[in-house]
PDB file of N, CA and C in Angstrom:
ATOM      1  N   MET A   1      -2.554  27.111  -8.389  1.00  0.00           N
ATOM      2  CA  MET A   1      -2.039  26.863  -6.979  1.00  0.00           C
ATOM      3  C   MET A   1      -1.966  25.327  -6.828  1.00  0.00           C
ATOM      4  N   LEU A   2      -0.947  24.871  -6.218  1.00  0.00           N
ATOM      5  CA  LEU A   2      -0.718  23.578  -5.912  1.00  0.00           C
ATOM      6  C   LEU A   2      -1.409  23.112  -4.707  1.00  0.00           C
ATOM      7  N   ARG A   3      -2.090  21.923  -4.871  1.00  0.00           N
ATOM      8  CA  ARG A   3      -3.071  21.394  -3.899  1.00  0.00           C
ATOM      9  C   ARG A   3      -2.300  20.077  -3.326  1.00  0.00           C
ATOM     10  N   ILE A   4      -2.080  20.262  -2.077  1.00  0.00           N
ATOM     11  CA  ILE A   4      -1.613  18.891  -1.289  1.00  0.00           C
ATOM     12  C   ILE A   4      -2.740  18.277  -0.823  1.00  0.00           C
ATOM     13  N   ARG A   5      -2.732  17.016  -0.914  1.00  0.00           N
ATOM     14  CA  ARG A   5      -3.796  15.942  -0.484  1.00  0.00           C
ATOM     15  C   ARG A   5      -3.263  14.863   0.250  1.00  0.00           C
ATOM     16  N   LEU A   6      -3.901  14.234   1.121  1.00  0.00           N
ATOM     17  CA  LEU A   6      -3.496  13.173   1.886  1.00  0.00           C
ATOM     18  C   LEU A   6      -3.322  11.980   0.913  1.00  0.00           C
ATOM     19  N   PRO A   7      -2.224  11.148   1.098  1.00  0.00           N
ATOM     20  CA  PRO A   7      -1.968  10.017   0.119  1.00  0.00           C
ATOM     21  C   PRO A   7      -3.441   9.103  -0.170  1.00  0.00           C
ATOM     22  N   LYS A   8      -4.016   9.038   1.095  1.00  0.00           N
ATOM     23  CA  LYS A   8      -5.267   7.810   0.838  1.00  0.00           C
ATOM     24  C   LYS A   8      -6.219   8.549   0.107  1.00  0.00           C
ATOM     25  N   ALA A   9      -6.531   9.879   0.147  1.00  0.00           N
ATOM     26  CA  ALA A   9      -7.511  10.671  -0.640  1.00  0.00           C
ATOM     27  C   ALA A   9      -7.163  10.610  -2.185  1.00  0.00           C
ATOM     28  N   GLY A  10      -5.937  10.560  -2.162  1.00  0.00           N
ATOM     29  CA  GLY A  10      -5.388  10.441  -3.706  1.00  0.00           C
ATOM     30  C   GLY A  10      -5.488   9.266  -4.396  1.00  0.00           C
ATOM     31  N   PHE A  11      -5.384   8.252  -3.556  1.00  0.00           N
ATOM     32  CA  PHE A  11      -5.430   6.912  -3.912  1.00  0.00           C
ATOM     33  C   PHE A  11      -6.858   6.454  -4.248  1.00  0.00           C
ATOM     34  N   MET A  12      -7.730   7.077  -3.337  1.00  0.00           N
ATOM     35  CA  MET A  12      -9.264   6.882  -3.627  1.00  0.00           C
ATOM     36  C   MET A  12      -9.628   7.374  -4.897  1.00  0.00           C
ATOM     37  N   GLU A  13      -9.054   8.624  -5.268  1.00  0.00           N
ATOM     38  CA  GLU A  13      -9.359   9.294  -6.567  1.00  0.00           C
ATOM     39  C   GLU A  13      -8.766   8.257  -7.679  1.00  0.00           C
ATOM     40  N   ILE A  14      -7.604   7.742  -7.631  1.00  0.00           N
ATOM     41  CA  ILE A  14      -7.209   6.967  -8.539  1.00  0.00           C
ATOM     42  C   ILE A  14      -7.855   5.719  -8.755  1.00  0.00           C
ATOM     43  N   ALA A  15      -8.388   4.975  -7.541  1.00  0.00           N
ATOM     44  CA  ALA A  15      -9.155   3.856  -7.637  1.00  0.00           C
ATOM     45  C   ALA A  15     -10.400   4.116  -8.403  1.00  0.00           C
ATOM     46  N   GLU A  16     -11.137   5.219  -8.130  1.00  0.00           N
ATOM     47  CA  GLU A  16     -12.242   5.768  -8.772  1.00  0.00           C
ATOM     48  C   GLU A  16     -12.179   5.842 -10.279  1.00  0.00           C
ATOM     49  N   GLU A  17     -11.003   6.614 -10.576  1.00  0.00           N
ATOM     50  CA  GLU A  17     -10.678   6.786 -12.005  1.00  0.00           C
ATOM     51  C   GLU A  17     -10.527   5.473 -12.758  1.00  0.00           C
ATOM     52  N   ALA A  18      -9.664   4.462 -12.108  1.00  0.00           N
ATOM     53  CA  ALA A  18      -9.392   3.262 -12.673  1.00  0.00           C
ATOM     54  C   ALA A  18     -10.785   2.413 -12.793  1.00  0.00           C
ATOM     55  N   ASP A  19     -11.563   2.429 -11.828  1.00  0.00           N
ATOM     56  CA  ASP A  19     -12.925   1.828 -11.885  1.00  0.00           C
ATOM     57  C   ASP A  19     -13.810   2.288 -13.123  1.00  0.00           C
ATOM     58  N   ASP A  20     -13.868   3.704 -13.266  1.00  0.00           N
ATOM     59  CA  ASP A  20     -14.648   4.246 -14.333  1.00  0.00           C
ATOM     60  C   ASP A  20     -14.025   3.839 -15.720  1.00  0.00           C
ATOM     61  N   GLU A  21     -12.757   3.672 -15.801  1.00  0.00           N
ATOM     62  CA  GLU A  21     -12.112   3.179 -16.996  1.00  0.00           C
ATOM     63  C   GLU A  21     -12.002   1.940 -17.293  1.00  0.00           C
ATOM     64  N   GLY A  22     -12.367   1.013 -16.307  1.00  0.00           N
ATOM     65  CA  GLY A  22     -12.502  -0.412 -16.517  1.00  0.00           C
ATOM     66  C   GLY A  22     -11.065  -1.063 -16.369  1.00  0.00           C
ATOM     67  N   ARG A  23     -10.164  -0.323 -15.574  1.00  0.00           N
ATOM     68  CA  ARG A  23      -8.987  -1.069 -15.405  1.00  0.00           C
ATOM     69  C   ARG A  23      -8.654  -1.225 -13.921  1.00  0.00           C
ATOM     70  N   PHE A  24      -9.728  -1.273 -13.113  1.00  0.00           N
ATOM     71  CA  PHE A  24      -9.530  -1.426 -11.641  1.00  0.00           C
ATOM     72  C   PHE A  24      -8.719  -2.734 -11.309  1.00  0.00           C
ATOM     73  N   ASP A  25      -9.129  -3.627 -11.892  1.00  0.00           N
ATOM     74  CA  ASP A  25      -8.289  -5.027 -11.488  1.00  0.00           C
ATOM     75  C   ASP A  25      -6.992  -4.971 -11.770  1.00  0.00           C
ATOM     76  N   ASP A  26      -6.582  -4.385 -13.085  1.00  0.00           N
ATOM     77  CA  ASP A  26      -5.225  -4.197 -13.542  1.00  0.00           C
ATOM     78  C   ASP A  26      -4.488  -3.366 -12.670  1.00  0.00           C
ATOM     79  N   SER A  27      -5.049  -2.375 -12.114  1.00  0.00           N
ATOM     80  CA  SER A  27      -4.380  -1.365 -11.190  1.00  0.00           C
ATOM     81  C   SER A  27      -4.286  -2.026  -9.768  1.00  0.00           C
ATOM     82  N   PHE A  28      -5.206  -2.884  -9.415  1.00  0.00           N
ATOM     83  CA  PHE A  28      -5.260  -3.480  -8.195  1.00  0.00           C
ATOM     84  C   PHE A  28      -3.906  -4.726  -8.011  1.00  0.00           C
ATOM     85  N   GLN A  29      -3.964  -5.314  -9.318  1.00  0.00           N
ATOM     86  CA  GLN A  29      -2.795  -6.290  -9.286  1.00  0.00           C
ATOM     87  C   GLN A  29      -1.487  -5.830  -9.353  1.00  0.00           C
ATOM     88  N   THR A  30      -1.363  -4.706 -10.052  1.00  0.00           N
ATOM     89  CA  THR A  30      -0.170  -3.762 -10.176  1.00  0.00           C
ATOM     90  C   THR A  30       0.362  -3.505  -8.740  1.00  0.00           C
ATOM     91  N   ILE A  31      -0.633  -3.010  -7.817  1.00  0.00           N
ATOM     92  CA  ILE A  31      -0.302  -2.751  -6.410  1.00  0.00           C
ATOM     93  C   ILE A  31       0.300  -3.868  -5.733  1.00  0.00           C
ATOM     94  N   LEU A  32      -0.384  -5.008  -5.923  1.00  0.00           N
ATOM     95  CA  LEU A  32       0.073  -6.285  -5.107  1.00  0.00           C
ATOM     96  C   LEU A  32       1.341  -6.714  -5.595  1.00  0.00           C
ATOM     97  N   LYS A  33       1.581  -6.486  -6.991  1.00  0.00           N
ATOM     98  CA  LYS A  33       3.069  -7.023  -7.322  1.00  0.00           C
ATOM     99  C   LYS A  33       4.008  -6.079  -6.946  1.00  0.00           C
ATOM    100  N   LEU A  34       3.767  -4.770  -6.808  1.00  0.00           N
ATOM    101  CA  LEU A  34       4.704  -3.860  -6.338  1.00  0.00           C
ATOM    102  C   LEU A  34       4.949  -4.015  -4.850  1.00  0.00           C
ATOM    103  N   MET A  35       3.912  -4.508  -4.150  1.00  0.00           N
ATOM    104  CA  MET A  35       4.053  -4.521  -2.762  1.00  0.00           C
ATOM    105  C   MET A  35       5.003  -5.766  -2.319  1.00  0.00           C
ATOM    106  N   VAL A  36       4.810  -6.664  -3.137  1.00  0.00           N
ATOM    107  CA  VAL A  36       5.706  -7.939  -3.074  1.00  0.00           C
ATOM    108  C   VAL A  36       7.168  -7.651  -3.325  1.00  0.00           C
ATOM    109  N   LYS A  37       7.406  -6.889  -4.341  1.00  0.00           N
ATOM    110  CA  LYS A  37       8.860  -6.562  -4.617  1.00  0.00           C
ATOM    111  C   LYS A  37       9.308  -5.580  -3.651  1.00  0.00           C
ATOM    112  N   ALA A  38       8.537  -4.589  -3.210  1.00  0.00           N
ATOM    113  CA  ALA A  38       9.155  -3.707  -2.181  1.00  0.00           C
ATOM    114  C   ALA A  38       9.252  -4.386  -0.734  1.00  0.00           C
ATOM    115  N   ALA A  39       8.455  -5.507  -0.556  1.00  0.00           N
ATOM    116  CA  ALA A  39       8.792  -6.290   0.708  1.00  0.00           C
ATOM    117  C   ALA A  39       9.989  -7.107   0.562  1.00  0.00           C
ATOM    118  N   ARG A  40      10.138  -7.747  -0.662  1.00  0.00           N
ATOM    119  CA  ARG A  40      11.357  -8.366  -0.840  1.00  0.00           C
ATOM    120  C   ARG A  40      12.631  -7.618  -0.735  1.00  0.00           C
ATOM    121  N   GLU A  41      12.540  -6.373  -1.251  1.00  0.00           N
ATOM    122  CA  GLU A  41      13.704  -5.467  -1.209  1.00  0.00           C
ATOM    123  C   GLU A  41      13.829  -4.759   0.203  1.00  0.00           C
ATOM    124  N   ARG A  42      12.855  -4.952   0.991  1.00  0.00           N
ATOM    125  CA  ARG A  42      12.763  -4.233   2.378  1.00  0.00           C
ATOM    126  C   ARG A  42      12.822  -2.740   2.235  1.00  0.00           C
ATOM    127  N   ASP A  43      12.134  -2.400   1.278  1.00  0.00           N
ATOM    128  CA  ASP A  43      11.845  -0.920   1.044  1.00  0.00           C
ATOM    129  C   ASP A  43      10.819  -0.359   1.844  1.00  0.00           C
ATOM    130  N   ILE A  44      11.072   0.142   3.050  1.00  0.00           N
ATOM    131  CA  ILE A  44      10.154   0.520   4.130  1.00  0.00           C
ATOM    132  C   ILE A  44       9.320   1.636   3.648  1.00  0.00           C
ATOM    133  N   LYS A  45       9.849   2.633   2.905  1.00  0.00           N
ATOM    134  CA  LYS A  45       8.837   3.835   2.480  1.00  0.00           C
ATOM    135  C   LYS A  45       7.902   3.321   1.354  1.00  0.00           C
ATOM    136  N   LYS A  46       8.480   2.680   0.463  1.00  0.00           N
ATOM    137  CA  LYS A  46       7.602   2.010  -0.780  1.00  0.00           C
ATOM    138  C   LYS A  46       6.741   1.115  -0.203  1.00  0.00           C
ATOM    139  N   THR A  47       6.938   0.229   0.791  1.00  0.00           N
ATOM    140  CA  THR A  47       5.999  -0.708   1.252  1.00  0.00           C
ATOM    141  C   THR A  47       5.050   0.058   2.072  1.00  0.00           C
ATOM    142  N   HIS A  48       5.194   1.109   2.672  1.00  0.00           N
ATOM    143  CA  HIS A  48       4.229   2.061   3.414  1.00  0.00           C
ATOM    144  C   HIS A  48       3.095   2.610   2.432  1.00  0.00           C
ATOM    145  N   LEU A  49       3.801   3.251   1.346  1.00  0.00           N
ATOM    146  CA  LEU A  49       3.085   4.042   0.486  1.00  0.00           C
ATOM    147  C   LEU A  49       2.115   3.037  -0.146  1.00  0.00           C
ATOM    148  N   LEU A  50       2.474   1.848  -0.717  1.00  0.00           N
ATOM    149  CA  LEU A  50       1.934   0.888  -1.318  1.00  0.00           C
ATOM    150  C   LEU A  50       0.802   0.219  -0.412  1.00  0.00           C
ATOM    151  N   THR A  51       1.045   0.334   0.940  1.00  0.00           N
ATOM    152  CA  THR A  51       0.020  -0.340   1.906  1.00  0.00           C
ATOM    153  C   THR A  51      -1.096   0.630   1.938  1.00  0.00           C
ATOM    154  N   VAL A  52      -0.749   1.879   1.947  1.00  0.00           N
ATOM    155  CA  VAL A  52      -1.909   2.989   1.930  1.00  0.00           C
ATOM    156  C   VAL A  52      -2.634   2.998   0.611  1.00  0.00           C
ATOM    157  N   SER A  53      -1.959   2.650  -0.412  1.00  0.00           N
ATOM    158  CA  SER A  53      -2.781   2.593  -1.823  1.00  0.00           C
ATOM    159  C   SER A  53      -3.656   1.363  -1.726  1.00  0.00           C
ATOM    160  N   LEU A  54      -3.119   0.304  -1.293  1.00  0.00           N
ATOM    161  CA  LEU A  54      -4.017  -0.957  -1.384  1.00  0.00           C
ATOM    162  C   LEU A  54      -5.171  -0.840  -0.349  1.00  0.00           C
ATOM    163  N   HIS A  55      -4.837  -0.150   0.830  1.00  0.00           N
ATOM    164  CA  HIS A  55      -5.971   0.185   1.797  1.00  0.00           C
ATOM    165  C   HIS A  55      -7.134   0.887   1.186  1.00  0.00           C
ATOM    166  N   ALA A  56      -6.627   1.996   0.280  1.00  0.00           N
ATOM    167  CA  ALA A  56      -7.565   2.957  -0.304  1.00  0.00           C
ATOM    168  C   ALA A  56      -8.399   2.223  -1.353  1.00  0.00           C
ATOM    169  N   PHE A  57      -7.659   1.475  -2.137  1.00  0.00           N
ATOM    170  CA  PHE A  57      -8.218   0.686  -3.097  1.00  0.00           C
ATOM    171  C   PHE A  57      -9.374  -0.255  -2.679  1.00  0.00           C
ATOM    172  N   LEU A  58      -8.988  -0.923  -1.368  1.00  0.00           N
ATOM    173  CA  LEU A  58     -10.135  -1.928  -0.804  1.00  0.00           C
ATOM    174  C   LEU A  58     -11.087  -1.093  -0.348  1.00  0.00           C
ATOM    175  N   HIS A  59     -10.941   0.036   0.372  1.00  0.00           N
ATOM    176  CA  HIS A  59     -11.862   0.954   0.907  1.00  0.00           C
ATOM    177  C   HIS A  59     -12.761   1.524  -0.093  1.00  0.00           C
ATOM    178  N   TYR A  60     -12.367   1.815  -1.410  1.00  0.00           N
ATOM    179  CA  TYR A  60     -13.071   2.306  -2.292  1.00  0.00           C
ATOM    180  C   TYR A  60     -14.145   1.315  -2.800  1.00  0.00           C
ATOM    181  N   LYS A  61     -13.909  -0.025  -2.706  1.00  0.00           N
ATOM    182  CA  LYS A  61     -14.851  -0.994  -3.106  1.00  0.00           C
ATOM    183  C   LYS A  61     -15.756  -1.418  -1.966  1.00  0.00           C
ATOM    184  N   GLY A  62     -15.702  -0.621  -0.950  1.00  0.00           N
ATOM    185  CA  GLY A  62     -16.598  -0.857   0.173  1.00  0.00           C
ATOM    186  C   GLY A  62     -16.279  -1.590   1.263  1.00  0.00           C
ATOM    187  N   GLY A  63     -14.953  -1.887   1.450  1.00  0.00           N
ATOM    188  CA  GLY A  63     -14.400  -2.638   2.575  1.00  0.00           C
ATOM    189  C   GLY A  63     -13.915  -1.763   3.626  1.00  0.00           C
ATOM    190  N   ASN A  64     -13.971  -2.148   4.787  1.00  0.00           N
ATOM    191  CA  ASN A  64     -13.529  -1.424   5.933  1.00  0.00           C
ATOM    192  C   ASN A  64     -12.478  -1.978   6.519  1.00  0.00           C
ATOM    193  N   TYR A  65     -11.254  -1.710   6.118  1.00  0.00           N
ATOM    194  CA  TYR A  65     -10.067  -2.475   6.707  1.00  0.00           C
ATOM    195  C   TYR A  65      -9.215  -1.532   7.339  1.00  0.00           C
ATOM    196  N   SER A  66      -9.444  -1.674   8.743  1.00  0.00           N
ATOM    197  CA  SER A  66      -8.623  -0.743   9.683  1.00  0.00           C
ATOM    198  C   SER A  66      -7.094  -1.169   9.777  1.00  0.00           C
ATOM    199  N   LEU A  67      -6.288  -0.279   9.808  1.00  0.00           N
ATOM    200  CA  LEU A  67      -4.850  -0.575  10.002  1.00  0.00           C
ATOM    201  C   LEU A  67      -4.516  -0.094  11.468  1.00  0.00           C
ATOM    202  N   SER A  68      -3.696  -0.976  11.966  1.00  0.00           N
ATOM    203  CA  SER A  68      -3.383  -0.648  13.339  1.00  0.00           C
ATOM    204  C   SER A  68      -2.451   0.538  13.344  1.00  0.00           C
ATOM    205  N   THR A  69      -2.231   1.309  14.524  1.00  0.00           N
ATOM    206  CA  THR A  69      -1.499   2.476  14.458  1.00  0.00           C
ATOM    207  C   THR A  69      -0.122   2.127  14.064  1.00  0.00           C
ATOM    208  N   GLU A  70       0.482   1.139  14.463  1.00  0.00           N
ATOM    209  CA  GLU A  70       1.791   0.759  14.099  1.00  0.00           C
ATOM    210  C   GLU A  70       1.991   0.794  12.469  1.00  0.00           C
ATOM    211  N   LEU A  71       1.044   0.339  11.672  1.00  0.00           N
ATOM    212  CA  LEU A  71       1.045   0.099  10.333  1.00  0.00           C
ATOM    213  C   LEU A  71       0.820   1.597   9.695  1.00  0.00           C
ATOM    214  N   LYS A  72       0.295   2.558  10.343  1.00  0.00           N
ATOM    215  CA  LYS A  72      -0.058   3.766   9.712  1.00  0.00           C
ATOM    216  C   LYS A  72       0.995   4.659   9.382  1.00  0.00           C
ATOM    217  N   GLN A  73       2.134   4.423  10.126  1.00  0.00           N
ATOM    218  CA  GLN A  73       3.437   5.290   9.943  1.00  0.00           C
ATOM    219  C   GLN A  73       4.694   4.373   9.480  1.00  0.00           C
ATOM    220  N   PRO A  74       5.403   4.545   8.590  1.00  0.00           N
ATOM    221  CA  PRO A  74       6.428   3.891   8.226  1.00  0.00           C
ATOM    222  C   PRO A  74       7.467   3.751   9.445  1.00  0.00           C
ATOM    223  N   GLN A  75       8.119   2.604   9.699  1.00  0.00           N
ATOM    224  CA  GLN A  75       9.075   2.307  10.744  1.00  0.00           C
ATOM    225  C   GLN A  75      10.457   2.386  10.096  1.00  0.00           C
ATOM    226  N   ASP A  76      11.456   3.251  10.824  1.00  0.00           N
ATOM    227  CA  ASP A  76      12.694   3.268  10.489  1.00  0.00           C
ATOM    228  C   ASP A  76      13.600   2.333  11.099  1.00  0.00           C
ATOM    229  N   ALA A  77      13.084   1.713  11.845  1.00  0.00           N
ATOM    230  CA  ALA A  77      13.830   0.578  12.658  1.00  0.00           C
ATOM    231  C   ALA A  77      13.941  -0.562  11.866  1.00  0.00           C
ATOM    232  N   ALA A  78      14.948  -1.422  12.195  1.00  0.00           N
ATOM    233  CA  ALA A  78      15.255  -2.850  11.514  1.00  0.00           C
ATOM    234  C   ALA A  78      14.027  -3.694  11.905  1.00  0.00           C
ATOM    235  N   ALA A  79      13.936  -4.888  11.436  1.00  0.00           N
ATOM    236  CA  ALA A  79      13.004  -5.874  11.776  1.00  0.00           C
ATOM    237  C   ALA A  79      13.444  -6.324  13.293  1.00  0.00           C
ATOM    238  N   PRO A  80      12.447  -6.705  14.040  1.00  0.00           N
ATOM    239  CA  PRO A  80      12.731  -7.104  15.502  1.00  0.00           C
ATOM    240  C   PRO A  80      13.873  -8.438  15.339  1.00  0.00           C
ATOM    241  N   ALA A  81      14.493  -8.579  16.268  1.00  0.00           N
ATOM    242  CA  ALA A  81      15.436  -9.682  16.411  1.00  0.00           C
ATOM    243  C   ALA A  81      14.659 -10.923  16.308  1.00  0.00           C
ATOM    244  N   GLY A  82      15.263 -11.903  15.589  1.00  0.00           N
ATOM    245  CA  GLY A  82      14.690 -13.123  15.399  1.00  0.00           C
ATOM    246  C   GLY A  82      13.690 -13.315  14.296  1.00  0.00           C
ATOM    247  N   HIS A  83      13.336 -12.250  13.626  1.00  0.00           N
ATOM    248  CA  HIS A  83      12.330 -12.218  12.571  1.00  0.00           C
ATOM    249  C   HIS A  83      13.176 -12.305  11.226  1.00  0.00           C
ATOM    250  N   GLU A  84      14.592 -12.149  11.224  1.00  0.00           N
ATOM    251  CA  GLU A  84      15.262 -12.388  10.062  1.00  0.00           C
ATOM    252  C   GLU A  84      15.113 -13.652   9.460  1.00  0.00           C
ATOM    253  N   GLU A  85      15.183 -14.788  10.272  1.00  0.00           N
ATOM    254  CA  GLU A  85      15.127 -16.116   9.923  1.00  0.00           C
ATOM    255  C   GLU A  85      13.944 -16.592   9.204  1.00  0.00           C
ATOM    256  N   SER A  86      12.704 -15.821   9.667  1.00  0.00           N
ATOM    257  CA  SER A  86      11.409 -16.136   9.271  1.00  0.00           C
ATOM    258  C   SER A  86      11.177 -15.537   7.823  1.00  0.00           C
ATOM    259  N   TYR A  87      11.847 -14.645   7.434  1.00  0.00           N
ATOM    260  CA  TYR A  87      11.864 -14.039   6.074  1.00  0.00           C
ATOM    261  C   TYR A  87      12.432 -14.943   4.986  1.00  0.00           C
ATOM    262  N   HIS A  88      11.573 -15.365   4.103  1.00  0.00           N
ATOM    263  CA  HIS A  88      11.985 -16.101   3.077  1.00  0.00           C
ATOM    264  C   HIS A  88      11.995 -15.548   1.665  1.00  0.00           C
ATOM    265  N   GLN A  89      12.948 -15.395   0.885  1.00  0.00           N
ATOM    266  CA  GLN A  89      13.027 -14.773  -0.503  1.00  0.00           C
ATOM    267  C   GLN A  89      12.831 -15.830  -1.489  1.00  0.00           C
ATOM    268  N   SER A  90      11.933 -15.675  -2.557  1.00  0.00           N
ATOM    269  CA  SER A  90      11.749 -16.580  -3.368  1.00  0.00           C
ATOM    270  C   SER A  90      12.628 -16.331  -4.662  1.00  0.00           C
TER     271      SER A  90
END
């Protein structure tokens, strides 16, 4: 039977496995690099998924990092007017 789980719970399990296998730091760095790439590409869905992943990894290590309600669900709308100029690509 296929088991569906919340992404955060799944990422918590991934964080635990990575920690047990001694690759937590590498996995954490990979998430950060992928987040930067997704943000540069303005990939809203990927950025949201990686944000949930990062939140789960931080929570696994004992942090309590709450996300605002606005950040918990991906937004389909474009960036608010005036924010385009503050976005810098490297």
